[in-house]
């Protein structure tokens, strides 16, 4: 199995002046194996995705519960192909100049029926991979009693990203996102948690900047990042309850969709209503929280295993 040399170096200073301004920066270089799925959850591509760049972020307290953030970032995303895979699921961006075709036209055969996609499309790579320079502003209202395991309060955020349009880079777009999280304690230890998100993009955003839904953190019962596009909505309702020490349970329902991905030519970007229901457990371990969920979607059932805190 191929080994990847990934690193991320981050630093944060919470207070740099008397007004509570924070300063943080991060340098990253990541390369991972990645799988793409079409709108039906069928695998259409396997490849190595590489991202490298840096960001600088400033934050300032603007009220008892509110804080504003301003982030400047420059990153470059690229495909990296390292396998001679005759199935057609992988493609080499270096070989694009040696192929012939008509722009964004792809082979009409489908991998699920024994065919293969022609991933060596010049316009596809040009329209989706390259350098992104952006400025992002975010306002956050947070009155939760605990940021890791909240039992009451709410967190509301608004985010606006300006990419290109005078900042350089290969892409020009605007991206807007809003999110609300609310928590209510039921009884002594049970918690009802709700999250709603929505967003849209103006301009030609590349593949890596599109909204994605599907998987453990957004829409359970579906493949990771199964849905993608310039428009997105998502909502989750969870009932959380303790089982034994360091183990808790959850009953959940998810809804959402992401659609309109004009530069992803192998993806049939149709607007649909997707839902998932299921149950899971949360286990606190020495290396961090572990989440295991079983989701029932419209067409299939799926286990989701992940690390990290709950929303």
Protein backbone atom coordinates (compact mmCIF):
# COMPACT_ATOMS: atom_id res chain seq x y z
CA UNK A 1 0.00 0.00 0.00
CA UNK A 2 1.36 3.40 -0.95
CA UNK A 3 2.46 5.66 1.90
CA UNK A 4 1.66 9.38 1.81
CA UNK A 5 3.67 12.12 3.49
CA UNK A 6 0.96 14.37 4.89
CA UNK A 7 1.45 17.24 7.28
CA UNK A 8 -0.37 20.19 8.74
CA UNK A 9 1.27 22.78 10.99
CA UNK A 10 -1.09 25.09 12.89
CA UNK A 11 -0.64 27.81 15.49
CA UNK A 12 -3.19 29.88 17.41
CA UNK A 13 -2.66 32.78 19.79
CA UNK A 14 -6.02 33.56 21.46
CA UNK A 15 -5.11 37.08 22.64
CA UNK A 16 -2.79 39.43 20.76
CA UNK A 17 -4.24 42.73 22.06
CA UNK A 18 -6.56 44.18 24.69
CA UNK A 19 -9.62 43.78 22.41
CA UNK A 20 -9.48 39.98 22.44
CA UNK A 21 -8.15 39.57 18.91
CA UNK A 22 -6.88 36.09 18.05
CA UNK A 23 -4.32 35.17 15.40
CA UNK A 24 -3.89 31.77 13.81
CA UNK A 25 -2.17 30.28 10.81
CA UNK A 26 -1.89 26.89 9.18
CA UNK A 27 0.31 25.25 6.53
CA UNK A 28 -0.85 21.98 5.00
CA UNK A 29 0.15 19.41 2.40
CA UNK A 30 -2.23 16.47 2.18
CA UNK A 31 -2.54 13.58 -0.25
CA UNK A 32 -5.19 10.90 0.21
CA UNK A 33 -6.95 8.19 -1.70
CA UNK A 34 -10.43 9.37 -2.59
CA UNK A 35 -13.53 7.80 -4.11
CA UNK A 36 -16.17 9.64 -6.15
CA UNK A 37 -19.78 8.51 -6.32
CA UNK A 38 -22.52 9.46 -8.72
CA UNK A 39 -25.96 10.63 -7.59
CA UNK A 40 -27.11 7.00 -7.10
CA UNK A 41 -24.21 6.11 -4.82
CA UNK A 42 -22.32 4.07 -7.43
CA UNK A 43 -18.53 4.39 -7.53
CA UNK A 44 -17.28 6.18 -10.66
CA UNK A 45 -13.68 7.09 -9.81
CA UNK A 46 -10.80 6.31 -7.47
CA UNK A 47 -7.81 8.61 -7.38
CA UNK A 48 -5.31 10.43 -5.18
CA UNK A 49 -6.39 13.94 -4.21
CA UNK A 50 -3.67 16.40 -3.22
CA UNK A 51 -4.15 19.75 -1.49
CA UNK A 52 -1.45 22.11 -0.35
CA UNK A 53 -1.45 25.71 0.83
CA UNK A 54 -1.74 27.99 3.85
CA UNK A 55 -4.19 30.27 5.64
CA UNK A 56 -4.07 33.12 8.15
CA UNK A 57 -7.05 33.84 10.41
CA UNK A 58 -7.99 36.74 12.69
CA UNK A 59 -10.80 36.62 15.25
CA UNK A 60 -12.34 39.24 17.52
CA UNK A 61 -14.95 39.18 20.27
CA UNK A 62 -17.78 41.52 19.25
CA UNK A 63 -20.27 40.76 22.03
CA UNK A 64 -20.92 38.53 25.02
CA UNK A 65 -21.74 35.57 22.75
CA UNK A 66 -20.58 36.79 19.33
CA UNK A 67 -17.24 36.62 17.55
CA UNK A 68 -16.12 37.55 14.03
CA UNK A 69 -13.43 35.80 11.99
CA UNK A 70 -11.52 36.85 8.87
CA UNK A 71 -9.45 34.20 7.04
CA UNK A 72 -7.10 34.59 4.07
CA UNK A 73 -6.24 31.36 2.27
CA UNK A 74 -4.29 30.20 -0.75
CA UNK A 75 -4.48 26.54 -1.75
CA UNK A 76 -3.88 24.35 -4.77
CA UNK A 77 -5.93 21.21 -5.42
CA UNK A 78 -4.89 18.58 -7.93
CA UNK A 79 -5.47 15.01 -9.05
CA UNK A 80 -2.49 12.71 -8.76
CA UNK A 81 -2.55 9.40 -10.64
CA UNK A 82 -0.12 6.62 -9.75
CA UNK A 83 -1.68 3.42 -11.05
CA UNK A 84 -2.15 1.73 -14.40
CA UNK A 85 -5.76 0.80 -13.85
CA UNK A 86 -7.35 -0.68 -16.96
CA UNK A 87 -10.85 -0.28 -15.54
CA UNK A 88 -10.86 3.39 -16.46
CA UNK A 89 -11.59 4.49 -12.90
CA UNK A 90 -8.25 6.32 -12.64
CA UNK A 91 -6.83 8.80 -15.06
CA UNK A 92 -3.56 10.61 -15.49
CA UNK A 93 -3.69 14.39 -15.79
CA UNK A 94 -0.27 14.26 -17.49
CA UNK A 95 -1.79 12.17 -20.26
CA UNK A 96 -4.50 14.66 -21.11
CA UNK A 97 -2.46 16.28 -23.88
CA UNK A 98 -2.11 12.87 -25.53
CA UNK A 99 -5.83 12.20 -25.68
CA UNK A 100 -8.41 13.26 -28.20
CA UNK A 101 -12.01 14.13 -27.53
CA UNK A 102 -14.54 16.89 -27.65
CA UNK A 103 -14.15 19.01 -24.55
CA UNK A 104 -16.41 17.88 -21.77
CA UNK A 105 -17.85 14.89 -23.67
CA UNK A 106 -17.43 11.64 -21.79
CA UNK A 107 -17.91 8.01 -22.74
CA UNK A 108 -21.55 7.11 -22.33
CA UNK A 109 -20.83 3.74 -20.76
CA UNK A 110 -21.31 3.34 -17.03
CA UNK A 111 -18.86 1.48 -14.72
CA UNK A 112 -21.76 -0.18 -12.92
CA UNK A 113 -22.71 -1.92 -16.18
CA UNK A 114 -19.18 -2.95 -17.09
CA UNK A 115 -18.15 0.15 -19.03
CA UNK A 116 -15.78 2.96 -18.10
CA UNK A 117 -15.76 6.71 -17.99
CA UNK A 118 -13.25 8.70 -20.02
CA UNK A 119 -11.73 10.72 -17.18
CA UNK A 120 -8.96 12.23 -19.33
CA UNK A 121 -11.08 15.26 -20.17
CA UNK A 122 -9.11 18.47 -20.61
CA UNK A 123 -11.93 20.83 -19.71
CA UNK A 124 -12.95 18.78 -16.68
CA UNK A 125 -9.55 19.10 -15.00
CA UNK A 126 -9.09 22.73 -16.07
CA UNK A 127 -12.50 23.70 -14.67
CA UNK A 128 -12.10 21.89 -11.35
CA UNK A 129 -8.48 21.79 -10.21
CA UNK A 130 -6.02 24.60 -9.64
CA UNK A 131 -5.21 27.44 -7.24
CA UNK A 132 -7.87 29.08 -5.08
CA UNK A 133 -7.15 32.42 -3.38
CA UNK A 134 -9.90 33.59 -1.06
CA UNK A 135 -11.01 35.78 1.85
CA UNK A 136 -13.66 34.40 4.23
CA UNK A 137 -15.68 36.32 6.82
CA UNK A 138 -17.65 34.50 9.50
CA UNK A 139 -19.87 35.73 12.33
CA UNK A 140 -20.66 33.28 15.14
CA UNK A 141 -23.18 33.52 17.98
CA UNK A 142 -22.53 30.81 20.57
CA UNK A 143 -24.40 30.43 23.87
CA UNK A 144 -23.87 26.68 24.36
CA UNK A 145 -23.04 25.45 27.85
CA UNK A 146 -20.35 23.09 26.52
CA UNK A 147 -18.79 23.17 23.05
CA UNK A 148 -17.98 19.42 23.10
CA UNK A 149 -21.15 17.96 24.62
CA UNK A 150 -23.77 20.73 24.67
CA UNK A 151 -27.03 20.21 26.55
CA UNK A 152 -28.58 23.67 26.10
CA UNK A 153 -28.04 26.89 24.18
CA UNK A 154 -27.49 27.56 20.49
CA UNK A 155 -24.83 28.30 17.93
CA UNK A 156 -25.67 30.37 14.84
CA UNK A 157 -23.13 31.22 12.14
CA UNK A 158 -23.01 33.11 8.84
CA UNK A 159 -20.12 32.65 6.41
CA UNK A 160 -19.23 34.51 3.21
CA UNK A 161 -16.26 33.52 1.01
CA UNK A 162 -14.80 35.75 -1.73
CA UNK A 163 -12.54 33.80 -4.12
CA UNK A 164 -10.63 35.28 -7.06
CA UNK A 165 -12.23 38.50 -8.34
CA UNK A 166 -8.95 40.41 -8.00
CA UNK A 167 -7.27 38.05 -5.52
CA UNK A 168 -5.59 35.93 -8.21
CA UNK A 169 -5.92 32.20 -8.54
CA UNK A 170 -7.74 30.17 -11.18
CA UNK A 171 -11.36 30.58 -10.01
CA UNK A 172 -13.81 33.43 -9.36
CA UNK A 173 -16.83 32.77 -7.13
CA UNK A 174 -18.75 33.80 -4.02
CA UNK A 175 -19.93 31.25 -1.46
CA UNK A 176 -22.52 31.88 1.28
CA UNK A 177 -23.44 29.52 4.13
CA UNK A 178 -25.73 29.77 7.18
CA UNK A 179 -26.03 27.27 10.02
CA UNK A 180 -28.06 27.00 13.23
CA UNK A 181 -27.58 24.49 16.06
CA UNK A 182 -29.98 24.28 18.99
CA UNK A 183 -30.01 22.11 22.11
CA UNK A 184 -32.64 21.38 24.74
CA UNK A 185 -32.30 19.23 27.83
CA UNK A 186 -35.06 16.65 28.35
CA UNK A 187 -35.19 15.29 31.85
CA UNK A 188 -31.97 15.00 33.82
CA UNK A 189 -29.61 13.61 31.17
CA UNK A 190 -31.33 13.38 27.77
CA UNK A 191 -30.73 16.00 25.07
CA UNK A 192 -32.62 16.97 21.92
CA UNK A 193 -30.22 18.42 19.34
CA UNK A 194 -31.16 20.12 16.07
CA UNK A 195 -29.01 21.44 13.22
CA UNK A 196 -30.05 23.19 10.00
CA UNK A 197 -27.75 24.41 7.21
CA UNK A 198 -28.16 26.07 3.85
CA UNK A 199 -25.94 27.69 1.27
CA UNK A 200 -25.39 28.77 -2.33
CA UNK A 201 -22.53 29.67 -4.65
CA UNK A 202 -22.34 32.33 -7.35
CA UNK A 203 -19.73 31.85 -10.07
CA UNK A 204 -17.69 28.91 -11.31
CA UNK A 205 -16.59 27.18 -8.13
CA UNK A 206 -14.20 24.24 -8.63
CA UNK A 207 -14.93 20.68 -7.58
CA UNK A 208 -13.32 20.96 -4.13
CA UNK A 209 -15.39 24.02 -3.17
CA UNK A 210 -18.83 22.65 -4.03
CA UNK A 211 -21.18 21.79 -1.18
CA UNK A 212 -21.24 18.05 -0.43
CA UNK A 213 -23.67 15.89 1.52
CA UNK A 214 -23.61 12.25 2.48
CA UNK A 215 -21.91 10.24 5.17
CA UNK A 216 -21.43 10.30 8.94
CA UNK A 217 -21.47 14.08 9.41
CA UNK A 218 -24.42 15.13 7.25
CA UNK A 219 -26.68 12.51 5.65
CA UNK A 220 -26.43 9.00 7.06
CA UNK A 221 -27.52 6.04 4.98
CA UNK A 222 -25.63 7.40 1.94
CA UNK A 223 -22.05 7.33 0.64
CA UNK A 224 -19.56 9.99 1.69
CA UNK A 225 -20.05 13.16 -0.39
CA UNK A 226 -22.61 11.39 -2.59
CA UNK A 227 -24.46 14.65 -3.36
CA UNK A 228 -22.67 17.81 -4.50
CA UNK A 229 -23.46 21.14 -6.06
CA UNK A 230 -23.70 24.94 -5.85
CA UNK A 231 -26.85 24.77 -3.70
CA UNK A 232 -27.36 22.89 -0.46
CA UNK A 233 -29.75 22.36 2.42
CA UNK A 234 -29.40 19.93 5.31
CA UNK A 235 -31.15 19.32 8.64
CA UNK A 236 -30.61 16.82 11.46
CA UNK A 237 -32.63 16.02 14.56
CA UNK A 238 -31.06 13.82 17.26
CA UNK A 239 -32.27 12.41 20.57
CA UNK A 240 -29.22 11.71 22.75
CA UNK A 241 -29.32 9.59 25.90
CA UNK A 242 -26.75 7.97 28.25
CA UNK A 243 -26.29 4.18 28.30
CA UNK A 244 -23.38 3.49 30.65
CA UNK A 245 -20.35 5.48 31.73
CA UNK A 246 -18.55 6.92 28.67
CA UNK A 247 -21.12 5.37 26.31
CA UNK A 248 -24.22 7.14 25.03
CA UNK A 249 -26.84 6.42 22.40
CA UNK A 250 -28.54 8.48 19.71
CA UNK A 251 -31.67 8.23 17.56
CA UNK A 252 -31.53 10.46 14.47
CA UNK A 253 -33.18 11.62 11.28
CA UNK A 254 -31.38 13.49 8.49
CA UNK A 255 -32.69 15.27 5.40
CA UNK A 256 -30.91 17.25 2.70
CA UNK A 257 -29.59 17.65 -0.81
CA UNK A 258 -26.86 19.38 -2.82
CA UNK A 259 -27.38 20.04 -6.53
CA UNK A 260 -26.24 21.98 -9.62
CA UNK A 261 -22.66 20.91 -10.38
CA UNK A 262 -22.25 22.08 -14.01
CA UNK A 263 -18.52 21.34 -14.31
CA UNK A 264 -18.76 17.79 -12.96
CA UNK A 265 -19.86 16.14 -16.17
CA UNK A 266 -20.11 12.58 -14.85
CA UNK A 267 -22.58 13.65 -12.14
CA UNK A 268 -26.29 13.94 -12.98
CA UNK A 269 -27.00 16.95 -10.81
CA UNK A 270 -30.74 16.69 -10.23
CA UNK A 271 -32.56 18.19 -7.28
CA UNK A 272 -34.01 15.51 -5.00
CA UNK A 273 -35.28 15.06 -1.47
CA UNK A 274 -33.09 12.66 0.50
CA UNK A 275 -33.68 11.36 3.99
CA UNK A 276 -32.10 8.96 6.43
CA UNK A 277 -33.09 7.59 9.82
CA UNK A 278 -31.23 5.40 12.26
CA UNK A 279 -29.49 4.87 15.58
CA UNK A 280 -25.96 4.98 16.88
CA UNK A 281 -23.61 4.97 19.85
CA UNK A 282 -20.96 7.41 21.07
CA UNK A 283 -17.95 6.11 22.99
CA UNK A 284 -15.42 8.28 24.82
CA UNK A 285 -11.92 6.78 24.42
CA UNK A 286 -8.39 7.96 25.35
CA UNK A 287 -7.80 8.95 21.71
CA UNK A 288 -11.06 10.90 21.42
CA UNK A 289 -14.78 10.32 20.81
CA UNK A 290 -15.78 7.44 18.53
CA UNK A 291 -19.09 7.49 16.64
CA UNK A 292 -20.83 4.46 15.14
CA UNK A 293 -24.15 4.97 13.33
CA UNK A 294 -26.46 2.75 11.29
CA UNK A 295 -28.39 4.79 8.74
CA UNK A 296 -31.35 3.75 6.59
CA UNK A 297 -31.55 5.78 3.38
CA UNK A 298 -33.96 5.76 0.45
CA UNK A 299 -32.19 2.97 -1.43
CA UNK A 300 -29.71 1.33 0.94
CA UNK A 301 -28.61 0.93 4.55
CA UNK A 302 -25.11 1.79 5.71
CA UNK A 303 -22.86 1.73 8.79
CA UNK A 304 -20.86 4.91 9.47
CA UNK A 305 -17.74 4.87 11.64
CA UNK A 306 -15.97 8.13 12.48
CA UNK A 307 -13.97 10.03 15.09
CA UNK A 308 -14.77 13.44 16.50
CA UNK A 309 -17.26 15.30 18.62
CA UNK A 310 -20.96 15.64 17.82
CA UNK A 311 -22.32 18.84 16.32
